[in-house]
Amino acid sequence: MRILVLNASPKGKNSTTVHTALYLQALHPEHTFVFLPVGQRIKSYEKDFGPLRAELEQAEMILFCYPVYTFIAPYQLHRLIELIKADGVNLAGKFASQITTSKHFYDVTAHRYVEENCFDLGLKVVRGLSADMEDLLCERGRKEARDFFDQLIFSCEHRLFVTPSCVPPSSKRLLYRPSLPETEKRKGKEVVIVTNCAPEDENLANMILDFQAALPYESRVVNLRQFPFDGGCLGCFGCAITGNCVYKDGFDVFLRSTIQTADGFVYAFTISDHYTHSSFKCFDDRQFCNGHRTVTHGTPIAYIISGNYQYEPNLRMILEARAEVGGNYLAGVATDEGHTASELEAVAENLAFAMDKKLSRPANFYGVGGMKIFRDLIYQMQGLMKADHKFYKEHGIYDFPQKQQGRIWAMRLVGALLAIPSVQKKAKGKMPQAMIAPYQKVVRQAEASVSDPQKDKTE
């Protein structure tokens, strides 16, 4: 089988990820592997897609190899998918799979993003390999890579493919026209609306206008298409110690002085290729100049989205997870799928309320799980990621449970006591009451803190 390996890492041959494919190539001389460093050549393919088109046409299987960047694939792969779709090269019926390396921070959303775009291209998709960055260096990881390839070939021969997601109905989107009156603006807070609105994104532009009108605070728009990006994140870790990007386009200063100074963030985009135009992914990835630091923790966010958002479950997961990991109160998502004006008005009011009240909510699994991965990663790599390490220490993110010796010994004592038959007999049926006693105390304190007139009002 002729396997085209699309190495989407910006590091090219120095990519950790592509070495898993090289390892499989060494073990399987019966297959022809063709490697293309598409992550490094993305600018050249924008000028001349011909060489890549020829390789895609000859390939029997397309194997996407990339590191996971900020919940999805790197900007370079997003741009490549745009170019493939724009060219119109026929890939229907070919096989496709993927290999990623990461610390398993939202590798699931990255894989699903690639799968969904493969479905769009008519490819037969086989589940990919999500490896740890260091898996190839241990026998267990190498065995898993070998097993993946054996299963990949077996799946192609026996038609064991990933099931496509639900396809939205084909219907022309109604043009949204601004209709909301201008709300009187309050002083003291400012919202920044970050968008990649193109001239043809008429619905998105009109939604932004109505949102600004409904928002009771002043807002300003930052259009990412107007920023002179030199390129996507290179994954070079040049910013790991200083926090400064190796690019000289000034994005790190622009980010910190123009965007992160706001009291609330709104992200506005039109859905395309199951995310949005690659200009937004370039913005996502280049924020790695902040490392793994949740520098905007506590700042509420909202989204304005044009497109079939209800049919994009992976995108919905990404947006919620980003808010959870970043510690940002998600004030809502307004779309042009239905009652657009009322949604825009409601989200604007909720965002203002969240800023006024400094709202927060406890992190769910998306946030807790994601931050535990970062916590362990930065602790291990503190010698390199010094800015991250300092931030994590100062903000108490190093909450290792194995260091909570007081609680550990208390649980050991309780366990030892409950192992005594006489204690077991006395404690029988009393454990639930003992467990809720502290919570009952909190409720009583809340009742005592309420004034007498308020008590009368609630009775």
Protein backbone atom coordinates (compact mmCIF):
# COMPACT_ATOMS: atom_id res chain seq x y z
CA MET A 1 0.00 0.00 0.00
CA ARG A 2 1.22 3.51 -0.83
CA ILE A 3 0.97 5.55 2.38
CA LEU A 4 1.30 9.31 2.22
CA VAL A 5 2.47 10.68 5.59
CA LEU A 6 1.46 14.33 5.94
CA ASN A 7 3.83 15.60 8.60
CA ALA A 8 1.99 18.70 9.82
CA SER A 9 4.43 19.51 12.61
CA PRO A 10 6.14 22.88 12.13
CA LYS A 11 9.36 21.14 13.24
CA GLY A 12 9.52 18.99 10.10
CA LYS A 13 12.00 16.13 10.37
CA ASN A 14 12.69 17.12 13.99
CA SER A 15 9.13 16.26 14.94
CA THR A 16 8.60 13.76 17.73
CA THR A 17 5.35 12.64 16.12
CA VAL A 18 6.72 11.76 12.71
CA HIS A 19 9.26 9.39 14.24
CA THR A 20 6.43 7.00 15.09
CA ALA A 21 5.64 6.84 11.37
CA LEU A 22 9.34 6.41 10.58
CA TYR A 23 9.46 3.55 13.09
CA LEU A 24 6.50 1.86 11.36
CA GLN A 25 8.14 2.39 7.99
CA ALA A 26 11.26 0.60 9.21
CA LEU A 27 9.17 -2.38 10.33
CA HIS A 28 7.05 -2.63 7.19
CA PRO A 29 9.13 -2.54 4.01
CA GLU A 30 6.21 -4.24 2.23
CA HIS A 31 4.44 -0.85 2.21
CA THR A 32 5.60 2.32 0.49
CA PHE A 33 5.80 5.32 2.81
CA VAL A 34 6.04 8.81 1.32
CA PHE A 35 6.78 11.63 3.78
CA LEU A 36 5.88 15.27 3.13
CA PRO A 37 6.76 18.02 5.67
CA VAL A 38 3.54 19.91 4.99
CA GLY A 39 3.78 21.84 8.26
CA GLN A 40 7.00 23.48 7.12
CA ARG A 41 5.94 23.88 3.49
CA ILE A 42 2.51 25.37 4.03
CA LYS A 43 3.52 28.73 2.54
CA SER A 44 4.82 27.07 -0.63
CA TYR A 45 1.59 25.07 -1.05
CA GLU A 46 -0.37 28.32 -0.85
CA LYS A 47 1.56 29.44 -3.94
CA ASP A 48 1.61 26.10 -5.79
CA PHE A 49 -0.58 23.22 -4.70
CA GLY A 50 0.41 21.06 -7.68
CA PRO A 51 3.15 18.93 -6.05
CA LEU A 52 0.92 18.04 -3.10
CA ARG A 53 -2.03 17.34 -5.38
CA ALA A 54 0.04 14.81 -7.31
CA GLU A 55 1.04 12.98 -4.13
CA LEU A 56 -2.52 12.96 -2.80
CA GLU A 57 -3.79 11.47 -6.06
CA GLN A 58 -1.20 8.68 -5.98
CA ALA A 59 -1.74 7.79 -2.33
CA GLU A 60 -3.86 4.85 -1.24
CA MET A 61 -3.78 5.91 2.41
CA ILE A 62 -3.31 9.35 3.94
CA LEU A 63 -1.72 9.36 7.38
CA PHE A 64 -1.92 12.69 9.22
CA CYS A 65 0.96 13.13 11.70
CA TYR A 66 0.87 16.12 13.99
CA PRO A 67 1.32 17.32 17.58
CA VAL A 68 -1.82 18.45 19.41
CA TYR A 69 -1.84 22.25 19.75
CA THR A 70 -4.44 24.04 21.92
CA PHE A 71 -7.23 21.46 21.81
CA ILE A 72 -6.94 20.74 18.10
CA ALA A 73 -4.36 20.35 15.33
CA PRO A 74 -1.69 22.98 14.63
CA TYR A 75 -2.55 26.01 12.51
CA GLN A 76 -0.46 24.54 9.69
CA LEU A 77 -2.77 21.52 9.40
CA HIS A 78 -5.87 23.72 9.53
CA ARG A 79 -4.50 25.72 6.64
CA LEU A 80 -3.60 22.55 4.75
CA ILE A 81 -7.17 21.24 5.05
CA GLU A 82 -8.44 24.54 3.66
CA LEU A 83 -6.07 24.22 0.68
CA ILE A 84 -7.05 20.60 0.00
CA LYS A 85 -10.75 21.46 0.02
CA ALA A 86 -10.27 24.59 -2.08
CA ASP A 87 -8.28 22.66 -4.69
CA GLY A 88 -11.02 20.08 -5.11
CA VAL A 89 -8.67 17.10 -5.45
CA ASN A 90 -10.72 13.89 -5.43
CA LEU A 91 -9.84 11.75 -2.40
CA ALA A 92 -13.10 9.80 -2.20
CA GLY A 93 -12.62 6.16 -1.30
CA LYS A 94 -9.04 6.45 -0.08
CA PHE A 95 -8.12 5.38 3.46
CA ALA A 96 -7.13 7.86 6.17
CA SER A 97 -5.88 7.73 9.74
CA GLN A 98 -3.74 9.81 12.07
CA ILE A 99 -0.89 9.71 14.56
CA THR A 100 -0.54 12.35 17.26
CA THR A 101 1.77 12.90 20.20
CA SER A 102 0.81 14.99 23.20
CA LYS A 103 0.36 14.75 26.94
CA HIS A 104 -3.24 13.72 26.18
CA PHE A 105 -4.56 17.22 26.79
CA TYR A 106 -7.69 17.16 24.61
CA ASP A 107 -6.23 14.80 22.05
CA VAL A 108 -9.82 13.53 21.63
CA THR A 109 -11.02 16.84 20.18
CA ALA A 110 -8.01 17.04 17.87
CA HIS A 111 -8.64 13.54 16.51
CA ARG A 112 -12.33 14.23 16.05
CA TYR A 113 -11.56 17.45 14.15
CA VAL A 114 -9.36 15.59 11.65
CA GLU A 115 -11.88 12.77 11.33
CA GLU A 116 -14.72 15.17 10.56
CA ASN A 117 -12.72 16.86 7.80
CA CYS A 118 -11.73 13.48 6.38
CA PHE A 119 -15.44 12.61 6.15
CA ASP A 120 -15.99 15.84 4.22
CA LEU A 121 -13.37 14.68 1.71
CA GLY A 122 -15.00 11.27 1.27
CA LEU A 123 -12.16 9.38 2.96
CA LYS A 124 -12.59 6.06 4.74
CA VAL A 125 -11.42 6.86 8.27
CA VAL A 126 -9.73 4.40 10.63
CA ARG A 127 -9.26 5.35 14.28
CA GLY A 128 -5.83 6.87 14.86
CA LEU A 129 -3.06 6.52 17.42
CA SER A 130 -2.89 9.05 20.25
CA ALA A 131 0.51 8.56 21.83
CA ASP A 132 2.30 10.24 24.68
CA MET A 133 5.26 12.36 23.63
CA GLU A 134 7.67 9.77 25.08
CA ASP A 135 5.86 6.55 24.13
CA LEU A 136 8.25 5.62 21.34
CA LEU A 137 11.10 5.50 23.88
CA CYS A 138 9.60 2.59 25.84
CA GLU A 139 8.66 -0.94 24.78
CA ARG A 140 5.02 -0.51 25.79
CA GLY A 141 4.71 2.52 23.54
CA ARG A 142 6.45 0.80 20.65
CA LYS A 143 4.13 -2.21 21.00
CA GLU A 144 1.11 0.06 20.94
CA ALA A 145 2.44 1.67 17.75
CA ARG A 146 2.93 -1.76 16.17
CA ASP A 147 -0.54 -2.83 17.27
CA PHE A 148 -2.00 0.36 15.80
CA PHE A 149 -0.49 -0.31 12.39
CA ASP A 150 -1.57 -3.95 12.37
CA GLN A 151 -5.09 -2.88 13.28
CA LEU A 152 -4.95 -0.12 10.65
CA ILE A 153 -4.21 -2.57 7.84
CA PHE A 154 -6.72 -5.09 9.21
CA SER A 155 -9.41 -2.38 9.36
CA CYS A 156 -8.77 -1.36 5.76
CA GLU A 157 -9.08 -4.98 4.61
CA HIS A 158 -12.24 -5.64 6.66
CA ARG A 159 -13.91 -2.21 6.28
CA LEU A 160 -13.84 -1.32 9.99
CA PHE A 161 -14.16 2.45 9.76
CA VAL A 162 -15.08 5.29 12.08
CA THR A 163 -18.77 6.21 11.90
CA PRO A 164 -19.39 9.69 10.43
CA SER A 165 -21.15 12.26 12.59
CA CYS A 166 -24.55 13.75 11.85
CA VAL A 167 -24.60 15.90 8.70
CA PRO A 168 -26.61 19.14 8.94
CA PRO A 169 -29.48 19.57 6.50
CA SER A 170 -28.65 21.53 3.38
CA SER A 171 -30.56 24.77 3.64
CA LYS A 172 -29.72 28.34 2.72
CA ARG A 173 -28.92 30.45 5.75
CA LEU A 174 -31.16 33.46 6.22
CA LEU A 175 -29.51 36.85 6.13
CA TYR A 176 -29.44 38.39 9.59
CA ARG A 177 -29.99 42.13 9.70
CA PRO A 178 -29.22 44.35 12.71
CA SER A 179 -32.35 45.12 14.71
CA LEU A 180 -31.42 45.80 18.34
CA PRO A 181 -31.55 49.37 19.73
CA GLU A 182 -28.48 50.99 21.23
CA THR A 183 -28.29 50.36 24.99
CA GLU A 184 -27.10 53.12 27.29
CA LYS A 185 -23.49 52.39 28.16
CA ARG A 186 -22.16 52.17 31.71
CA LYS A 187 -18.65 53.24 32.64
CA GLY A 188 -15.82 51.32 34.23
CA LYS A 189 -15.52 48.19 32.10
CA GLU A 190 -14.59 47.31 28.55
CA VAL A 191 -15.16 44.27 26.35
CA VAL A 192 -12.96 43.18 23.46
CA ILE A 193 -14.52 41.27 20.56
CA VAL A 194 -11.91 39.09 18.85
CA THR A 195 -13.01 37.99 15.39
CA ASN A 196 -11.76 36.81 12.01
CA CYS A 197 -14.72 38.30 10.17
CA ALA A 198 -14.16 38.38 6.40
CA PRO A 199 -15.92 40.76 3.99
CA GLU A 200 -18.26 37.95 2.90
CA ASP A 201 -19.22 37.11 6.53
CA GLU A 202 -22.26 39.40 6.41
CA ASN A 203 -24.22 37.56 9.09
CA LEU A 204 -21.30 37.59 11.51
CA ALA A 205 -20.64 41.30 10.94
CA ASN A 206 -24.28 42.15 11.59
CA MET A 207 -24.39 39.96 14.69
CA ILE A 208 -21.36 41.78 16.08
CA LEU A 209 -23.06 45.14 15.49
CA ASP A 210 -26.20 44.04 17.33
CA PHE A 211 -24.19 42.57 20.19
CA GLN A 212 -22.31 45.84 20.61
CA ALA A 213 -25.64 47.69 20.62
CA ALA A 214 -27.13 45.40 23.27
CA LEU A 215 -24.06 45.31 25.52
CA PRO A 216 -24.36 47.82 28.39
CA TYR A 217 -20.61 48.49 28.30
CA GLU A 218 -18.30 49.88 25.64
CA SER A 219 -16.66 47.35 23.35
CA ARG A 220 -14.05 47.30 20.62
CA VAL A 221 -13.43 44.87 17.77
CA VAL A 222 -10.08 43.23 16.98
CA ASN A 223 -10.07 41.54 13.58
CA LEU A 224 -7.35 38.88 13.39
CA ARG A 225 -7.29 38.99 9.60
CA GLN A 226 -5.78 42.45 9.89
CA PHE A 227 -2.88 41.40 12.11
CA PRO A 228 0.38 40.75 10.19
CA PHE A 229 1.18 37.27 11.53
CA ASP A 230 4.60 36.06 10.39
CA GLY A 231 3.37 32.48 10.79
CA GLY A 232 1.93 29.89 13.13
CA CYS A 233 3.52 28.65 16.34
CA LEU A 234 6.75 26.77 15.64
CA GLY A 235 6.70 24.70 18.82
CA CYS A 236 10.28 25.84 19.43
CA PHE A 237 9.83 26.56 23.19
CA GLY A 238 11.76 29.79 22.70
CA CYS A 239 9.17 31.51 24.89
CA ALA A 240 9.36 28.94 27.69
CA ILE A 241 11.74 30.99 29.83
CA THR A 242 11.31 34.60 28.72
CA GLY A 243 7.66 34.53 27.63
CA ASN A 244 8.68 36.30 24.41
CA CYS A 245 7.95 34.79 20.98
CA VAL A 246 10.79 34.23 18.50
CA TYR A 247 8.71 35.90 15.79
CA LYS A 248 9.28 39.64 15.44
CA ASP A 249 5.72 40.50 14.36
CA GLY A 250 4.89 41.84 17.83
CA PHE A 251 2.01 39.46 18.53
CA ASP A 252 3.00 38.78 22.15
CA VAL A 253 2.93 42.50 22.97
CA PHE A 254 -0.27 42.96 20.95
CA LEU A 255 -1.96 40.11 22.83
CA ARG A 256 -1.04 41.40 26.27
CA SER A 257 -1.70 45.10 25.65
CA THR A 258 -4.67 45.05 23.27
CA ILE A 259 -6.67 41.94 24.16
CA GLN A 260 -5.85 40.62 27.62
CA THR A 261 -6.40 44.02 29.27
CA ALA A 262 -10.17 43.82 28.71
CA ASP A 263 -12.72 43.00 31.41
CA GLY A 264 -14.58 40.56 29.17
CA PHE A 265 -13.79 38.62 26.01
CA VAL A 266 -16.09 37.80 23.11
CA TYR A 267 -14.93 35.50 20.33
CA ALA A 268 -16.82 35.84 17.05
CA PHE A 269 -16.40 33.63 14.00
CA THR A 270 -18.11 31.80 11.17
CA ILE A 271 -17.90 28.01 11.29
CA SER A 272 -15.84 26.42 8.53
CA ASP A 273 -14.14 23.02 8.35
CA HIS A 274 -15.65 22.13 11.76
CA TYR A 275 -13.87 25.02 13.47
CA THR A 276 -13.35 28.34 11.73
CA HIS A 277 -10.92 29.92 9.28
CA SER A 278 -7.28 29.09 10.01
CA SER A 279 -6.51 32.71 10.94
CA PHE A 280 -8.23 32.04 14.26
CA LYS A 281 -6.17 28.89 14.84
CA CYS A 282 -3.01 30.90 14.21
CA PHE A 283 -4.19 33.24 16.98
CA ASP A 284 -4.92 30.25 19.24
CA ASP A 285 -1.51 28.68 18.76
CA ARG A 286 0.52 31.87 19.03
CA GLN A 287 -0.92 32.42 22.51
CA PHE A 288 1.57 29.78 23.62
CA CYS A 289 3.79 32.78 24.39
CA ASN A 290 1.79 32.62 27.65
CA GLY A 291 2.83 28.99 28.04
CA HIS A 292 0.40 26.96 30.11
CA ARG A 293 -0.47 29.91 32.35
CA THR A 294 -4.14 30.79 32.81
CA VAL A 295 -3.36 34.49 32.78
CA THR A 296 -6.97 35.53 32.08
CA HIS A 297 -8.45 33.39 34.87
CA GLY A 298 -11.64 34.98 36.16
CA THR A 299 -12.38 37.00 33.01
CA PRO A 300 -15.83 36.07 31.63
CA ILE A 301 -16.16 35.12 27.97
CA ALA A 302 -18.90 34.69 25.37
CA TYR A 303 -19.17 33.57 21.74
CA ILE A 304 -20.91 34.87 18.63
CA ILE A 305 -21.07 32.16 15.99
CA SER A 306 -22.46 32.02 12.48
CA GLY A 307 -23.12 28.51 11.17
CA ASN A 308 -24.63 25.15 12.08
CA TYR A 309 -23.35 25.17 15.65
CA GLN A 310 -25.94 22.64 16.86
CA TYR A 311 -24.47 20.07 14.45
CA GLU A 312 -20.89 20.55 15.70
CA PRO A 313 -20.61 18.57 18.98
CA ASN A 314 -16.81 18.56 18.88
CA LEU A 315 -16.68 22.33 18.51
CA ARG A 316 -19.12 22.74 21.40
CA MET A 317 -16.86 20.57 23.55
CA ILE A 318 -13.80 22.62 22.62
CA LEU A 319 -15.44 25.93 23.52
CA GLU A 320 -16.71 24.67 26.87
CA ALA A 321 -13.40 22.99 27.69
CA ARG A 322 -11.43 26.14 26.93
CA ALA A 323 -13.55 28.12 29.33
CA GLU A 324 -13.24 25.45 32.01
CA VAL A 325 -9.46 25.05 31.73
CA GLY A 326 -8.90 28.79 31.57
CA GLY A 327 -11.11 29.51 34.57
CA ASN A 328 -13.36 31.78 32.48
CA TYR A 329 -17.06 32.07 33.18
CA LEU A 330 -18.82 31.14 29.92
CA ALA A 331 -21.64 33.67 29.62
CA GLY A 332 -23.21 32.07 26.58
CA VAL A 333 -23.09 31.38 22.84
CA ALA A 334 -25.27 33.32 20.39
CA THR A 335 -25.79 31.87 16.90
CA ASP A 336 -27.72 32.70 13.74
CA GLU A 337 -29.57 29.38 13.78
CA GLY A 338 -32.83 30.69 15.18
CA HIS A 339 -33.78 33.52 17.52
CA THR A 340 -30.59 35.45 16.87
CA ALA A 341 -31.53 38.89 18.17
CA SER A 342 -32.89 37.59 21.48
CA GLU A 343 -29.84 35.33 21.91
CA LEU A 344 -27.46 38.22 21.29
CA GLU A 345 -29.34 40.39 23.78
CA ALA A 346 -29.38 37.66 26.43
CA VAL A 347 -25.67 36.84 26.05
CA ALA A 348 -24.75 40.54 26.18
CA GLU A 349 -26.73 41.03 29.39
CA ASN A 350 -25.30 37.88 30.95
CA LEU A 351 -21.74 38.87 30.09
CA ALA A 352 -22.26 42.27 31.72
CA PHE A 353 -23.82 40.60 34.78
CA ALA A 354 -20.85 38.21 35.02
CA MET A 355 -18.40 41.12 34.89
CA ASP A 356 -20.32 43.10 37.49
CA LYS A 357 -20.66 40.20 39.91
CA LYS A 358 -17.25 38.66 39.12
CA LEU A 359 -19.04 35.36 38.61
CA SER A 360 -17.25 32.04 38.76
CA ARG A 361 -18.32 28.41 38.80
CA PRO A 362 -16.50 25.28 39.97
CA ALA A 363 -14.57 23.53 37.19
CA ASN A 364 -16.16 20.42 35.78
CA PHE A 365 -14.34 17.37 34.43
CA TYR A 366 -13.09 19.35 31.42
CA GLY A 367 -11.36 21.88 33.63
CA VAL A 368 -10.22 19.66 36.50
CA GLY A 369 -8.86 16.93 34.23
CA GLY A 370 -7.14 19.37 31.88
CA MET A 371 -5.42 21.30 34.65
CA LYS A 372 -4.18 18.13 36.36
CA ILE A 373 -2.41 17.19 33.13
CA PHE A 374 -0.81 20.65 32.99
CA ARG A 375 0.04 20.56 36.69
CA ASP A 376 2.01 17.31 36.37
CA LEU A 377 3.62 18.37 33.07
CA ILE A 378 4.91 21.71 34.36
CA TYR A 379 6.15 20.19 37.62
CA GLN A 380 8.23 17.68 35.66
CA MET A 381 9.50 20.31 33.18
CA GLN A 382 10.00 23.16 35.65
CA GLY A 383 13.66 23.45 34.71
CA LEU A 384 12.69 24.42 31.15
CA MET A 385 9.27 26.05 31.63
CA LYS A 386 10.39 28.45 34.30
CA ALA A 387 7.69 31.07 33.75
CA ASP A 388 4.98 28.41 33.95
CA HIS A 389 6.54 26.90 37.09
CA LYS A 390 6.68 30.26 38.84
CA PHE A 391 3.04 30.96 37.91
CA TYR A 392 1.85 27.55 39.13
CA LYS A 393 3.65 27.97 42.47
CA GLU A 394 2.27 31.46 43.04
CA HIS A 395 -1.32 30.45 42.22
CA GLY A 396 -1.42 27.20 44.19
CA ILE A 397 -1.91 24.98 41.15
CA TYR A 398 0.48 22.38 42.56
CA ASP A 399 -2.26 20.70 44.59
CA PHE A 400 -0.75 17.21 44.65
CA PRO A 401 -3.00 14.92 46.71
CA GLN A 402 -0.05 12.75 47.81
CA LYS A 403 1.30 15.78 49.69
CA GLN A 404 -1.88 16.21 51.79
CA GLN A 405 -0.47 14.18 54.63
CA GLY A 406 -2.96 15.40 57.22
CA ARG A 407 -5.96 14.14 55.26
CA ILE A 408 -4.21 10.89 54.35
CA TRP A 409 -3.47 10.10 58.00
CA ALA A 410 -6.97 11.12 59.08
CA MET A 411 -8.46 8.65 56.59
CA ARG A 412 -6.07 5.96 57.80
CA LEU A 413 -7.22 6.57 61.37
CA VAL A 414 -10.89 6.38 60.37
CA GLY A 415 -10.23 3.21 58.39
CA ALA A 416 -8.39 1.61 61.33
CA LEU A 417 -11.18 2.48 63.77
CA LEU A 418 -13.90 1.14 61.45
CA ALA A 419 -11.97 -2.13 61.18
CA ILE A 420 -12.69 -2.75 64.88
CA PRO A 421 -15.94 -4.78 65.22
CA SER A 422 -17.19 -2.87 68.26
CA VAL A 423 -16.68 0.48 66.51
CA GLN A 424 -18.38 -0.87 63.40
CA LYS A 425 -21.41 -1.78 65.47
CA LYS A 426 -21.63 1.65 67.08
CA ALA A 427 -21.10 3.46 63.77
CA LYS A 428 -23.68 1.44 61.88
CA GLY A 429 -26.22 3.79 60.31
CA LYS A 430 -24.50 6.90 61.69
CA MET A 431 -21.97 7.49 58.92
CA PRO A 432 -24.29 9.50 56.62
CA GLN A 433 -25.22 11.86 59.46
CA ALA A 434 -21.57 12.30 60.45
CA MET A 435 -20.65 13.10 56.84
CA ILE A 436 -23.27 15.81 56.40
CA ALA A 437 -22.74 17.47 59.80
CA PRO A 438 -20.25 20.08 58.43
CA TYR A 439 -22.65 20.91 55.60
CA GLN A 440 -25.52 21.39 58.01
CA LYS A 441 -23.34 23.83 59.93
CA VAL A 442 -22.80 25.90 56.77
CA VAL A 443 -26.56 26.04 56.16
CA ARG A 444 -27.22 27.15 59.76
CA GLN A 445 -24.60 29.89 59.45
CA ALA A 446 -26.25 31.11 56.25
CA GLU A 447 -29.62 31.23 58.00
CA ALA A 448 -28.12 33.19 60.88
CA SER A 449 -26.54 35.70 58.53
CA VAL A 450 -29.88 36.73 57.07
CA SER A 451 -31.57 39.72 58.71
CA ASP A 452 -34.98 39.42 60.42
CA PRO A 453 -36.87 41.40 57.71
CA GLN A 454 -35.43 39.09 55.07
CA LYS A 455 -36.53 36.06 57.09
CA ASP A 456 -40.06 37.41 57.23
CA LYS A 457 -40.00 37.98 53.48
CA THR A 458 -39.04 34.39 52.73
CA GLU A 459 -41.57 32.84 55.14
